[in-house]
Amino acid sequence: MKALVTRLDSFGDVLLAGPAIRAVAARADTVTLLCGPRGAPAARLLPGVDDVLVWDAPWVGFTPPPVGRGEVELLLDTIDADTALILTSFHQSPLPTALLLRLAGVDFIAADSEDYPGSLLDVRHHRAPHAHEVQAALDLAEAAGFPTPDDGRPRVLPPPATAGLTGPEPYVVLHPGASVPARAWSPGRCAEAVRELAAAGHRVVVTGGAGEKDLTAYVAGSHALDLGGRTGAAELAGVLAGATVVVTGNTGPAHLAAAVGTPVVSLFSPVVPAERWRPYGVPYVLLGDQDAPCADSRARECPVPGHPCLDTVTAHDVVTAVEKLMGEAA
């Protein structure tokens, strides 16, 4: 059986698809993961993936490309599978992807869909209300004939050693960036947390992408090690794996920390529901006002002056949460 799994959106979304992909891999001869460019670095970290096919779908992402007939025809010519699992979030439709997979000759297609799929789906599954994204994907996989072969927790391939970057353990990671501004704790609050963590005796490592060097330099100041722009996806996995606790917003590195088994202090903006997107499979502390006016809005920019859902969280709250998780792990 040649299986194709699709998850077309972001880095964290692809990581959360990992357990379902392993379920497919346990019964398929080969597994190709079709993902978008933002998810590709995560796709290459996942066990069970034999090949990664990257395509920027025009119905996904913050800046989707225009529809191009040539790009679609190239994708159809590239897909080589007889079975497909389409993984989407609760608010996304799988049907555009299903149409393309049918045109590519895929015989068996399964997806969660509230919309009538006509002949596009062989298994039209309805996800359980309030299910976490990991569990929802596993439920769909089982409905399609791929039962969970293991504990169903997110995981990645063994990351490289990163002690040369971080220095000796123990340390706490603070990752101040987020995929959209509405999910980010303010830089000032992050810098305060670094200072208070350092004052409490914790060595702090600040991480961030290549475009976040100014942010990480400000947050780290003279109190933390600044690794902004110095880690790719695999190296970041190694840094997070070596941490005692990771402090970050509801963004990809929170899910990467969970995938390497590290507890998470989650600064969770309720623009998406925590029940579906919280760190999965590891101890965590959720901070942030989950009943704030922005709840479930899926806003990218905070719609409430002062960003109260997160900026009411103090540096002291973060230190307390970090030490709580450390105590539980001792």
C-alpha atoms as a PDB file:
ATOM      1  CA  MET A   1       0.000   0.000   0.000  1.00  0.00           C
ATOM      2  CA  LYS A   2       1.298   3.439  -0.968  1.00  0.00           C
ATOM      3  CA  ALA A   3      -0.165   5.896   1.512  1.00  0.00           C
ATOM      4  CA  LEU A   4      -0.331   9.667   1.365  1.00  0.00           C
ATOM      5  CA  VAL A   5      -1.050  11.820   4.417  1.00  0.00           C
ATOM      6  CA  THR A   6      -1.762  15.516   3.930  1.00  0.00           C
ATOM      7  CA  ARG A   7      -1.376  18.314   6.472  1.00  0.00           C
ATOM      8  CA  LEU A   8      -1.025  21.534   4.547  1.00  0.00           C
ATOM      9  CA  ASP A   9      -0.655  24.247   7.166  1.00  0.00           C
ATOM     10  CA  SER A  10       1.985  25.129   9.763  1.00  0.00           C
ATOM     11  CA  PHE A  11       4.975  23.670  11.606  1.00  0.00           C
ATOM     12  CA  GLY A  12       3.040  22.892  14.775  1.00  0.00           C
ATOM     13  CA  ASP A  13       0.106  21.399  12.877  1.00  0.00           C
ATOM     14  CA  VAL A  14       2.418  18.938  11.138  1.00  0.00           C
ATOM     15  CA  LEU A  15       3.992  17.922  14.458  1.00  0.00           C
ATOM     16  CA  LEU A  16       0.546  17.219  15.889  1.00  0.00           C
ATOM     17  CA  ALA A  17      -0.185  14.999  12.871  1.00  0.00           C
ATOM     18  CA  GLY A  18       2.790  12.799  13.788  1.00  0.00           C
ATOM     19  CA  PRO A  19       0.965  10.155  15.848  1.00  0.00           C
ATOM     20  CA  ALA A  20      -1.616   9.609  13.083  1.00  0.00           C
ATOM     21  CA  ILE A  21       1.169   9.368  10.518  1.00  0.00           C
ATOM     22  CA  ARG A  22       2.829   6.645  12.605  1.00  0.00           C
ATOM     23  CA  ALA A  23      -0.488   4.793  12.664  1.00  0.00           C
ATOM     24  CA  VAL A  24      -0.606   4.855   8.857  1.00  0.00           C
ATOM     25  CA  ALA A  25       3.072   3.880   8.607  1.00  0.00           C
ATOM     26  CA  ALA A  26       2.467   0.795  10.760  1.00  0.00           C
ATOM     27  CA  ARG A  27       0.264  -0.699   7.992  1.00  0.00           C
ATOM     28  CA  ALA A  28       1.468   0.958   4.792  1.00  0.00           C
ATOM     29  CA  ASP A  29       4.461   0.015   2.662  1.00  0.00           C
ATOM     30  CA  THR A  30       5.400   3.660   2.160  1.00  0.00           C
ATOM     31  CA  VAL A  31       4.124   6.984   3.520  1.00  0.00           C
ATOM     32  CA  THR A  32       4.423  10.293   1.701  1.00  0.00           C
ATOM     33  CA  LEU A  33       3.563  13.422   3.638  1.00  0.00           C
ATOM     34  CA  LEU A  34       2.092  16.224   1.549  1.00  0.00           C
ATOM     35  CA  CYS A  35       2.578  19.499   3.406  1.00  0.00           C
ATOM     36  CA  GLY A  36       2.985  23.217   2.876  1.00  0.00           C
ATOM     37  CA  PRO A  37       6.290  25.116   2.977  1.00  0.00           C
ATOM     38  CA  ARG A  38       5.801  26.220   6.592  1.00  0.00           C
ATOM     39  CA  GLY A  39       5.226  22.643   7.689  1.00  0.00           C
ATOM     40  CA  ALA A  40       8.064  21.076   5.703  1.00  0.00           C
ATOM     41  CA  PRO A  41      10.792  21.481   8.380  1.00  0.00           C
ATOM     42  CA  ALA A  42       8.558  19.640  10.860  1.00  0.00           C
ATOM     43  CA  ALA A  43       7.676  16.958   8.294  1.00  0.00           C
ATOM     44  CA  ARG A  44      11.329  16.017   7.974  1.00  0.00           C
ATOM     45  CA  LEU A  45      11.524  15.370  11.729  1.00  0.00           C
ATOM     46  CA  LEU A  46       8.695  12.831  11.890  1.00  0.00           C
ATOM     47  CA  PRO A  47       9.123   9.065  12.291  1.00  0.00           C
ATOM     48  CA  GLY A  48       7.248   7.011   9.715  1.00  0.00           C
ATOM     49  CA  VAL A  49       7.610   9.480   6.834  1.00  0.00           C
ATOM     50  CA  ASP A  50       9.384   8.043   3.787  1.00  0.00           C
ATOM     51  CA  ASP A  51       9.036  11.066   1.507  1.00  0.00           C
ATOM     52  CA  VAL A  52       7.984  14.701   1.887  1.00  0.00           C
ATOM     53  CA  LEU A  53       6.079  16.437  -0.901  1.00  0.00           C
ATOM     54  CA  VAL A  54       5.821  20.212  -0.475  1.00  0.00           C
ATOM     55  CA  TRP A  55       3.038  22.219  -2.099  1.00  0.00           C
ATOM     56  CA  ASP A  56       1.773  25.692  -1.228  1.00  0.00           C
ATOM     57  CA  ALA A  57      -2.008  25.259  -1.364  1.00  0.00           C
ATOM     58  CA  PRO A  58      -4.019  28.349  -2.341  1.00  0.00           C
ATOM     59  CA  TRP A  59      -6.650  27.692   0.380  1.00  0.00           C
ATOM     60  CA  VAL A  60      -4.191  27.512   3.308  1.00  0.00           C
ATOM     61  CA  GLY A  61      -1.922  29.910   5.159  1.00  0.00           C
ATOM     62  CA  PHE A  62      -1.581  33.593   5.926  1.00  0.00           C
ATOM     63  CA  THR A  63      -0.465  34.626   2.425  1.00  0.00           C
ATOM     64  CA  PRO A  64      -1.812  31.932   0.086  1.00  0.00           C
ATOM     65  CA  PRO A  65      -0.584  31.921  -3.500  1.00  0.00           C
ATOM     66  CA  PRO A  66      -2.904  32.500  -6.445  1.00  0.00           C
ATOM     67  CA  VAL A  67      -4.448  29.468  -8.083  1.00  0.00           C
ATOM     68  CA  GLY A  68      -2.210  28.239 -10.883  1.00  0.00           C
ATOM     69  CA  ARG A  69      -3.278  25.524 -13.305  1.00  0.00           C
ATOM     70  CA  GLY A  70       0.313  24.572 -14.035  1.00  0.00           C
ATOM     71  CA  GLU A  71       1.177  24.109 -10.348  1.00  0.00           C
ATOM     72  CA  VAL A  72      -1.928  21.975  -9.837  1.00  0.00           C
ATOM     73  CA  GLU A  73      -1.155  19.787 -12.859  1.00  0.00           C
ATOM     74  CA  LEU A  74       2.431  19.300 -11.658  1.00  0.00           C
ATOM     75  CA  LEU A  75       1.137  18.194  -8.259  1.00  0.00           C
ATOM     76  CA  LEU A  76      -1.307  15.741  -9.851  1.00  0.00           C
ATOM     77  CA  ASP A  77       1.513  14.237 -11.919  1.00  0.00           C
ATOM     78  CA  THR A  78       3.723  13.885  -8.824  1.00  0.00           C
ATOM     79  CA  ILE A  79       1.286  12.169  -6.449  1.00  0.00           C
ATOM     80  CA  ASP A  80       1.706   8.391  -6.427  1.00  0.00           C
ATOM     81  CA  ALA A  81      -0.575   6.793  -3.836  1.00  0.00           C
ATOM     82  CA  ASP A  82      -3.559   4.493  -3.598  1.00  0.00           C
ATOM     83  CA  THR A  83      -4.678   5.507  -0.097  1.00  0.00           C
ATOM     84  CA  ALA A  84      -4.847   8.961   1.474  1.00  0.00           C
ATOM     85  CA  LEU A  85      -5.625  10.484   4.854  1.00  0.00           C
ATOM     86  CA  ILE A  86      -6.440  14.210   4.786  1.00  0.00           C
ATOM     87  CA  LEU A  87      -5.738  15.865   8.140  1.00  0.00           C
ATOM     88  CA  THR A  88      -7.282  19.279   8.777  1.00  0.00           C
ATOM     89  CA  SER A  89      -8.140  21.474  11.747  1.00  0.00           C
ATOM     90  CA  PHE A  90     -11.714  21.635  12.983  1.00  0.00           C
ATOM     91  CA  HIS A  91     -12.432  24.795  10.966  1.00  0.00           C
ATOM     92  CA  GLN A  92     -10.929  23.624   7.662  1.00  0.00           C
ATOM     93  CA  SER A  93     -12.540  21.737   4.797  1.00  0.00           C
ATOM     94  CA  PRO A  94     -10.714  18.718   3.346  1.00  0.00           C
ATOM     95  CA  LEU A  95     -12.700  18.782   0.113  1.00  0.00           C
ATOM     96  CA  PRO A  96     -10.376  20.894  -2.090  1.00  0.00           C
ATOM     97  CA  THR A  97      -7.550  18.493  -1.254  1.00  0.00           C
ATOM     98  CA  ALA A  98      -9.816  15.485  -1.792  1.00  0.00           C
ATOM     99  CA  LEU A  99     -10.764  16.715  -5.264  1.00  0.00           C
ATOM    100  CA  LEU A 100      -7.101  16.967  -6.275  1.00  0.00           C
ATOM    101  CA  LEU A 101      -6.303  13.542  -4.860  1.00  0.00           C
ATOM    102  CA  ARG A 102      -9.193  12.011  -6.812  1.00  0.00           C
ATOM    103  CA  LEU A 103      -7.903  13.655  -9.988  1.00  0.00           C
ATOM    104  CA  ALA A 104      -4.448  12.237  -9.168  1.00  0.00           C
ATOM    105  CA  GLY A 105      -5.926   8.742  -9.108  1.00  0.00           C
ATOM    106  CA  VAL A 106      -6.006   8.030  -5.389  1.00  0.00           C
ATOM    107  CA  ASP A 107      -8.511   5.212  -4.853  1.00  0.00           C
ATOM    108  CA  PHE A 108      -9.270   5.502  -1.120  1.00  0.00           C
ATOM    109  CA  ILE A 109      -9.544   8.853   0.696  1.00  0.00           C
ATOM    110  CA  ALA A 110     -10.551   9.521   4.310  1.00  0.00           C
ATOM    111  CA  ALA A 111     -11.126  12.841   6.047  1.00  0.00           C
ATOM    112  CA  ASP A 112     -13.143  14.639   8.697  1.00  0.00           C
ATOM    113  CA  SER A 113     -15.899  16.532   6.908  1.00  0.00           C
ATOM    114  CA  GLU A 114     -19.087  18.256   7.980  1.00  0.00           C
ATOM    115  CA  ASP A 115     -19.796  19.219   4.361  1.00  0.00           C
ATOM    116  CA  TYR A 116     -21.376  16.712   2.011  1.00  0.00           C
ATOM    117  CA  PRO A 117     -18.440  15.167   0.101  1.00  0.00           C
ATOM    118  CA  GLY A 118     -20.213  13.521  -2.806  1.00  0.00           C
ATOM    119  CA  SER A 119     -17.798  11.034  -4.375  1.00  0.00           C
ATOM    120  CA  LEU A 120     -14.694  12.764  -3.012  1.00  0.00           C
ATOM    121  CA  LEU A 121     -14.400  10.727   0.202  1.00  0.00           C
ATOM    122  CA  ASP A 122     -14.602   7.012   0.900  1.00  0.00           C
ATOM    123  CA  VAL A 123     -14.593   7.600   4.662  1.00  0.00           C
ATOM    124  CA  ARG A 124     -16.421  10.721   5.797  1.00  0.00           C
ATOM    125  CA  HIS A 125     -15.612  10.927   9.491  1.00  0.00           C
ATOM    126  CA  HIS A 126     -17.024  13.343  12.078  1.00  0.00           C
ATOM    127  CA  ARG A 127     -14.526  14.455  14.674  1.00  0.00           C
ATOM    128  CA  ALA A 128     -15.527  14.310  18.319  1.00  0.00           C
ATOM    129  CA  PRO A 129     -16.522  17.662  19.850  1.00  0.00           C
ATOM    130  CA  HIS A 130     -13.678  19.322  21.762  1.00  0.00           C
ATOM    131  CA  ALA A 131     -11.101  16.721  20.694  1.00  0.00           C
ATOM    132  CA  HIS A 132      -7.463  17.750  20.779  1.00  0.00           C
ATOM    133  CA  GLU A 133      -5.893  17.925  17.315  1.00  0.00           C
ATOM    134  CA  VAL A 134      -3.716  14.886  18.066  1.00  0.00           C
ATOM    135  CA  GLN A 135      -6.658  12.761  19.183  1.00  0.00           C
ATOM    136  CA  ALA A 136      -8.862  13.931  16.329  1.00  0.00           C
ATOM    137  CA  ALA A 137      -6.244  12.841  13.803  1.00  0.00           C
ATOM    138  CA  LEU A 138      -5.822   9.477  15.543  1.00  0.00           C
ATOM    139  CA  ASP A 139      -9.597   8.964  15.536  1.00  0.00           C
ATOM    140  CA  LEU A 140      -9.725   9.610  11.804  1.00  0.00           C
ATOM    141  CA  ALA A 141      -6.813   7.256  11.171  1.00  0.00           C
ATOM    142  CA  GLU A 142      -8.554   4.485  13.102  1.00  0.00           C
ATOM    143  CA  ALA A 143     -11.801   5.046  11.200  1.00  0.00           C
ATOM    144  CA  ALA A 144      -9.808   4.654   7.983  1.00  0.00           C
ATOM    145  CA  GLY A 145      -8.320   1.330   9.135  1.00  0.00           C
ATOM    146  CA  PHE A 146      -5.136   2.528  10.815  1.00  0.00           C
ATOM    147  CA  PRO A 147      -5.375   1.882  14.578  1.00  0.00           C
ATOM    148  CA  THR A 148      -2.896   3.533  16.915  1.00  0.00           C
ATOM    149  CA  PRO A 149       0.172   1.275  17.293  1.00  0.00           C
ATOM    150  CA  ASP A 150       1.756   3.049  20.257  1.00  0.00           C
ATOM    151  CA  ASP A 151       1.078   5.596  23.020  1.00  0.00           C
ATOM    152  CA  GLY A 152      -0.163   8.175  20.510  1.00  0.00           C
ATOM    153  CA  ARG A 153       2.077  10.974  21.772  1.00  0.00           C
ATOM    154  CA  PRO A 154       3.862  13.420  19.469  1.00  0.00           C
ATOM    155  CA  ARG A 155       7.486  12.572  18.860  1.00  0.00           C
ATOM    156  CA  VAL A 156      10.291  13.340  16.451  1.00  0.00           C
ATOM    157  CA  LEU A 157      13.389  11.560  15.210  1.00  0.00           C
ATOM    158  CA  PRO A 158      16.324  11.715  17.662  1.00  0.00           C
ATOM    159  CA  PRO A 159      17.656  15.291  17.508  1.00  0.00           C
ATOM    160  CA  PRO A 160      21.341  16.161  17.200  1.00  0.00           C
ATOM    161  CA  ALA A 161      23.453  16.896  20.262  1.00  0.00           C
ATOM    162  CA  THR A 162      23.312  20.623  20.992  1.00  0.00           C
ATOM    163  CA  ALA A 163      25.472  21.041  24.104  1.00  0.00           C
ATOM    164  CA  GLY A 164      27.918  22.960  21.924  1.00  0.00           C
ATOM    165  CA  LEU A 165      25.201  25.566  21.434  1.00  0.00           C
ATOM    166  CA  THR A 166      23.578  25.619  24.849  1.00  0.00           C
ATOM    167  CA  GLY A 167      26.393  24.811  27.227  1.00  0.00           C
ATOM    168  CA  PRO A 168      25.779  22.436  30.125  1.00  0.00           C
ATOM    169  CA  GLU A 169      22.413  21.461  31.529  1.00  0.00           C
ATOM    170  CA  PRO A 170      20.251  22.308  33.411  1.00  0.00           C
ATOM    171  CA  TYR A 171      18.662  25.269  31.694  1.00  0.00           C
ATOM    172  CA  VAL A 172      15.230  26.736  30.987  1.00  0.00           C
ATOM    173  CA  VAL A 173      14.287  27.772  27.436  1.00  0.00           C
ATOM    174  CA  LEU A 174      12.202  30.866  26.784  1.00  0.00           C
ATOM    175  CA  HIS A 175      10.946  31.200  23.205  1.00  0.00           C
ATOM    176  CA  PRO A 176       9.386  34.678  22.850  1.00  0.00           C
ATOM    177  CA  GLY A 177       8.202  34.587  19.235  1.00  0.00           C
ATOM    178  CA  ALA A 178       4.936  33.267  17.858  1.00  0.00           C
ATOM    179  CA  SER A 179       3.486  32.527  14.441  1.00  0.00           C
ATOM    180  CA  VAL A 180       1.090  35.489  14.738  1.00  0.00           C
ATOM    181  CA  PRO A 181       1.253  38.551  17.034  1.00  0.00           C
ATOM    182  CA  ALA A 182      -1.973  37.706  18.883  1.00  0.00           C
ATOM    183  CA  ARG A 183      -0.300  34.613  20.344  1.00  0.00           C
ATOM    184  CA  ALA A 184       2.865  36.315  21.594  1.00  0.00           C
ATOM    185  CA  TRP A 185       3.630  37.507  25.115  1.00  0.00           C
ATOM    186  CA  SER A 186       5.002  41.040  24.926  1.00  0.00           C
ATOM    187  CA  PRO A 187       8.796  41.448  24.582  1.00  0.00           C
ATOM    188  CA  GLY A 188       8.885  43.462  27.796  1.00  0.00           C
ATOM    189  CA  ARG A 189       7.165  40.717  29.757  1.00  0.00           C
ATOM    190  CA  CYS A 190       9.516  38.116  28.216  1.00  0.00           C
ATOM    191  CA  ALA A 191      12.566  40.157  29.233  1.00  0.00           C
ATOM    192  CA  GLU A 192      11.193  40.498  32.771  1.00  0.00           C
ATOM    193  CA  ALA A 193      10.712  36.739  32.954  1.00  0.00           C
ATOM    194  CA  VAL A 194      14.300  36.134  31.863  1.00  0.00           C
ATOM    195  CA  ARG A 195      15.579  38.462  34.584  1.00  0.00           C
ATOM    196  CA  GLU A 196      13.408  36.877  37.269  1.00  0.00           C
ATOM    197  CA  LEU A 197      14.282  33.342  36.209  1.00  0.00           C
ATOM    198  CA  ALA A 198      17.969  34.240  36.333  1.00  0.00           C
ATOM    199  CA  ALA A 199      17.523  35.903  39.725  1.00  0.00           C
ATOM    200  CA  ALA A 200      15.871  32.697  40.972  1.00  0.00           C
ATOM    201  CA  GLY A 201      18.980  30.739  39.990  1.00  0.00           C
ATOM    202  CA  HIS A 202      17.937  29.316  36.637  1.00  0.00           C
ATOM    203  CA  ARG A 203      20.192  29.412  33.594  1.00  0.00           C
ATOM    204  CA  VAL A 204      18.068  30.671  30.693  1.00  0.00           C
ATOM    205  CA  VAL A 205      18.429  30.053  26.954  1.00  0.00           C
ATOM    206  CA  VAL A 206      16.409  32.235  24.562  1.00  0.00           C
ATOM    207  CA  THR A 207      15.515  30.769  21.159  1.00  0.00           C
ATOM    208  CA  GLY A 208      14.056  32.222  17.988  1.00  0.00           C
ATOM    209  CA  GLY A 209      14.127  32.051  14.219  1.00  0.00           C
ATOM    210  CA  ALA A 210      16.365  33.891  11.782  1.00  0.00           C
ATOM    211  CA  GLY A 211      13.902  36.766  11.541  1.00  0.00           C
ATOM    212  CA  GLU A 212      13.674  37.162  15.328  1.00  0.00           C
ATOM    213  CA  LYS A 213      17.265  38.076  16.212  1.00  0.00           C
ATOM    214  CA  ASP A 214      16.390  41.573  17.409  1.00  0.00           C
ATOM    215  CA  LEU A 215      13.628  40.155  19.590  1.00  0.00           C
ATOM    216  CA  THR A 216      15.769  37.420  21.148  1.00  0.00           C
ATOM    217  CA  ALA A 217      18.669  39.809  21.755  1.00  0.00           C
ATOM    218  CA  TYR A 218      16.345  42.193  23.605  1.00  0.00           C
ATOM    219  CA  VAL A 219      14.690  39.437  25.633  1.00  0.00           C
ATOM    220  CA  ALA A 220      17.982  37.737  26.562  1.00  0.00           C
ATOM    221  CA  GLY A 221      19.740  40.972  27.495  1.00  0.00           C
ATOM    222  CA  SER A 222      22.745  40.213  29.693  1.00  0.00           C
ATOM    223  CA  HIS A 223      20.900  37.569  31.713  1.00  0.00           C
ATOM    224  CA  ALA A 224      20.470  34.708  29.202  1.00  0.00           C
ATOM    225  CA  LEU A 225      22.137  32.935  26.316  1.00  0.00           C
ATOM    226  CA  ASP A 226      20.764  34.220  23.013  1.00  0.00           C
ATOM    227  CA  LEU A 227      20.384  31.513  20.344  1.00  0.00           C
ATOM    228  CA  GLY A 228      18.190  33.615  18.049  1.00  0.00           C
ATOM    229  CA  GLY A 229      18.708  32.574  14.426  1.00  0.00           C
ATOM    230  CA  ARG A 230      21.200  29.850  15.346  1.00  0.00           C
ATOM    231  CA  THR A 231      18.973  26.772  15.175  1.00  0.00           C
ATOM    232  CA  GLY A 232      17.170  24.993  12.404  1.00  0.00           C
ATOM    233  CA  ALA A 233      14.271  22.710  13.225  1.00  0.00           C
ATOM    234  CA  ALA A 234      16.423  19.716  14.187  1.00  0.00           C
ATOM    235  CA  GLU A 235      18.804  21.806  16.283  1.00  0.00           C
ATOM    236  CA  LEU A 236      15.889  23.509  18.023  1.00  0.00           C
ATOM    237  CA  ALA A 237      14.514  20.058  18.870  1.00  0.00           C
ATOM    238  CA  GLY A 238      17.856  19.239  20.469  1.00  0.00           C
ATOM    239  CA  VAL A 239      17.916  22.476  22.465  1.00  0.00           C
ATOM    240  CA  LEU A 240      14.357  21.909  23.712  1.00  0.00           C
ATOM    241  CA  ALA A 241      15.116  18.259  24.539  1.00  0.00           C
ATOM    242  CA  GLY A 242      17.938  19.371  26.822  1.00  0.00           C
ATOM    243  CA  ALA A 243      15.800  21.910  28.672  1.00  0.00           C
ATOM    244  CA  THR A 244      14.233  21.286  32.052  1.00  0.00           C
ATOM    245  CA  VAL A 245      11.182  23.370  31.078  1.00  0.00           C
ATOM    246  CA  VAL A 246      10.233  25.367  27.966  1.00  0.00           C
ATOM    247  CA  VAL A 247       8.338  28.670  28.244  1.00  0.00           C
ATOM    248  CA  THR A 248       6.555  29.706  25.048  1.00  0.00           C
ATOM    249  CA  GLY A 249       3.274  30.795  23.493  1.00  0.00           C
ATOM    250  CA  ASN A 250       0.769  28.573  21.687  1.00  0.00           C
ATOM    251  CA  THR A 251       2.998  28.167  18.671  1.00  0.00           C
ATOM    252  CA  GLY A 252       5.140  25.524  16.971  1.00  0.00           C
ATOM    253  CA  PRO A 253       7.960  25.272  19.544  1.00  0.00           C
ATOM    254  CA  ALA A 254       5.412  24.370  22.244  1.00  0.00           C
ATOM    255  CA  HIS A 255       4.504  21.284  20.207  1.00  0.00           C
ATOM    256  CA  LEU A 256       8.151  20.574  19.414  1.00  0.00           C
ATOM    257  CA  ALA A 257       8.945  20.678  23.143  1.00  0.00           C
ATOM    258  CA  ALA A 258       6.148  18.184  23.774  1.00  0.00           C
ATOM    259  CA  ALA A 259       7.452  15.975  20.974  1.00  0.00           C
ATOM    260  CA  VAL A 260      10.849  15.694  22.703  1.00  0.00           C
ATOM    261  CA  GLY A 261       9.232  15.116  26.098  1.00  0.00           C
ATOM    262  CA  THR A 262       9.955  18.457  27.777  1.00  0.00           C
ATOM    263  CA  PRO A 263       7.377  20.080  30.106  1.00  0.00           C
ATOM    264  CA  VAL A 264       5.896  23.347  28.844  1.00  0.00           C
ATOM    265  CA  VAL A 265       4.775  26.585  30.467  1.00  0.00           C
ATOM    266  CA  SER A 266       2.258  27.593  27.822  1.00  0.00           C
ATOM    267  CA  LEU A 267       1.436  31.295  27.474  1.00  0.00           C
ATOM    268  CA  PHE A 268      -1.789  30.483  25.732  1.00  0.00           C
ATOM    269  CA  SER A 269      -3.761  33.161  23.922  1.00  0.00           C
ATOM    270  CA  PRO A 270      -7.356  31.885  23.644  1.00  0.00           C
ATOM    271  CA  VAL A 271      -7.801  33.026  20.030  1.00  0.00           C
ATOM    272  CA  VAL A 272      -7.882  29.255  19.442  1.00  0.00           C
ATOM    273  CA  PRO A 273      -9.211  26.771  22.012  1.00  0.00           C
ATOM    274  CA  ALA A 274      -6.688  25.355  24.467  1.00  0.00           C
ATOM    275  CA  GLU A 275      -8.573  22.062  24.580  1.00  0.00           C
ATOM    276  CA  ARG A 276      -7.595  21.509  20.942  1.00  0.00           C
ATOM    277  CA  TRP A 277      -4.149  23.114  20.839  1.00  0.00           C
ATOM    278  CA  ARG A 278      -2.495  22.832  24.277  1.00  0.00           C
ATOM    279  CA  PRO A 279       0.806  20.930  24.647  1.00  0.00           C
ATOM    280  CA  TYR A 280      -0.049  17.246  24.349  1.00  0.00           C
ATOM    281  CA  GLY A 281       1.460  14.297  26.182  1.00  0.00           C
ATOM    282  CA  VAL A 282       3.729  16.189  28.605  1.00  0.00           C
ATOM    283  CA  PRO A 283       3.215  18.032  31.907  1.00  0.00           C
ATOM    284  CA  TYR A 284       2.242  21.642  31.272  1.00  0.00           C
ATOM    285  CA  VAL A 285       0.966  24.776  32.974  1.00  0.00           C
ATOM    286  CA  LEU A 286      -1.450  26.940  31.008  1.00  0.00           C
ATOM    287  CA  LEU A 287      -1.161  30.688  31.629  1.00  0.00           C
ATOM    288  CA  GLY A 288      -3.371  33.400  30.154  1.00  0.00           C
ATOM    289  CA  ASP A 289      -6.997  34.423  30.490  1.00  0.00           C
ATOM    290  CA  GLN A 290      -8.906  31.745  28.573  1.00  0.00           C
ATOM    291  CA  ASP A 291     -12.154  33.717  28.914  1.00  0.00           C
ATOM    292  CA  ALA A 292     -10.792  36.952  27.410  1.00  0.00           C
ATOM    293  CA  PRO A 293     -12.921  38.751  24.770  1.00  0.00           C
ATOM    294  CA  CYS A 294     -10.674  37.433  21.992  1.00  0.00           C
ATOM    295  CA  ALA A 295     -11.540  33.801  22.808  1.00  0.00           C
ATOM    296  CA  ASP A 296     -12.148  31.598  19.735  1.00  0.00           C
ATOM    297  CA  SER A 297     -11.778  34.563  17.390  1.00  0.00           C
ATOM    298  CA  ARG A 298      -8.772  33.075  15.526  1.00  0.00           C
ATOM    299  CA  ALA A 299      -7.468  36.640  15.376  1.00  0.00           C
ATOM    300  CA  ARG A 300      -3.926  37.159  14.134  1.00  0.00           C
ATOM    301  CA  GLU A 301      -3.643  40.654  15.601  1.00  0.00           C
ATOM    302  CA  CYS A 302      -4.965  41.157  19.119  1.00  0.00           C
ATOM    303  CA  PRO A 303      -8.440  42.720  18.829  1.00  0.00           C
ATOM    304  CA  VAL A 304      -8.435  44.000  22.440  1.00  0.00           C
ATOM    305  CA  PRO A 305      -6.317  47.015  23.504  1.00  0.00           C
ATOM    306  CA  GLY A 306      -3.468  46.049  25.812  1.00  0.00           C
ATOM    307  CA  HIS A 307      -3.471  42.348  24.879  1.00  0.00           C
ATOM    308  CA  PRO A 308      -5.013  41.484  28.272  1.00  0.00           C
ATOM    309  CA  CYS A 309      -5.301  37.726  27.711  1.00  0.00           C
ATOM    310  CA  LEU A 310      -1.508  37.421  27.979  1.00  0.00           C
ATOM    311  CA  ASP A 311      -0.101  40.639  29.355  1.00  0.00           C
ATOM    312  CA  THR A 312      -1.957  40.165  32.629  1.00  0.00           C
ATOM    313  CA  VAL A 313       0.457  37.234  33.127  1.00  0.00           C
ATOM    314  CA  THR A 314       3.468  38.389  35.140  1.00  0.00           C
ATOM    315  CA  ALA A 315       7.083  37.267  35.188  1.00  0.00           C
ATOM    316  CA  HIS A 316       6.468  35.989  38.715  1.00  0.00           C
ATOM    317  CA  ASP A 317       3.654  33.792  37.376  1.00  0.00           C
ATOM    318  CA  VAL A 318       6.080  32.249  34.889  1.00  0.00           C
ATOM    319  CA  VAL A 319       8.774  31.603  37.502  1.00  0.00           C
ATOM    320  CA  THR A 320       6.181  29.952  39.739  1.00  0.00           C
ATOM    321  CA  ALA A 321       4.960  27.775  36.864  1.00  0.00           C
ATOM    322  CA  VAL A 322       8.511  26.764  35.882  1.00  0.00           C
ATOM    323  CA  GLU A 323       9.339  25.760  39.430  1.00  0.00           C
ATOM    324  CA  LYS A 324       6.077  23.858  39.775  1.00  0.00           C
ATOM    325  CA  LEU A 325       6.921  21.732  36.720  1.00  0.00           C
ATOM    326  CA  MET A 326      10.486  21.242  37.929  1.00  0.00           C
ATOM    327  CA  GLY A 327       9.170  20.080  41.288  1.00  0.00           C
ATOM    328  CA  GLU A 328       6.825  17.593  39.669  1.00  0.00           C
ATOM    329  CA  ALA A 329       9.705  16.171  37.614  1.00  0.00           C
ATOM    330  CA  ALA A 330      12.049  15.804  40.590  1.00  0.00           C
END
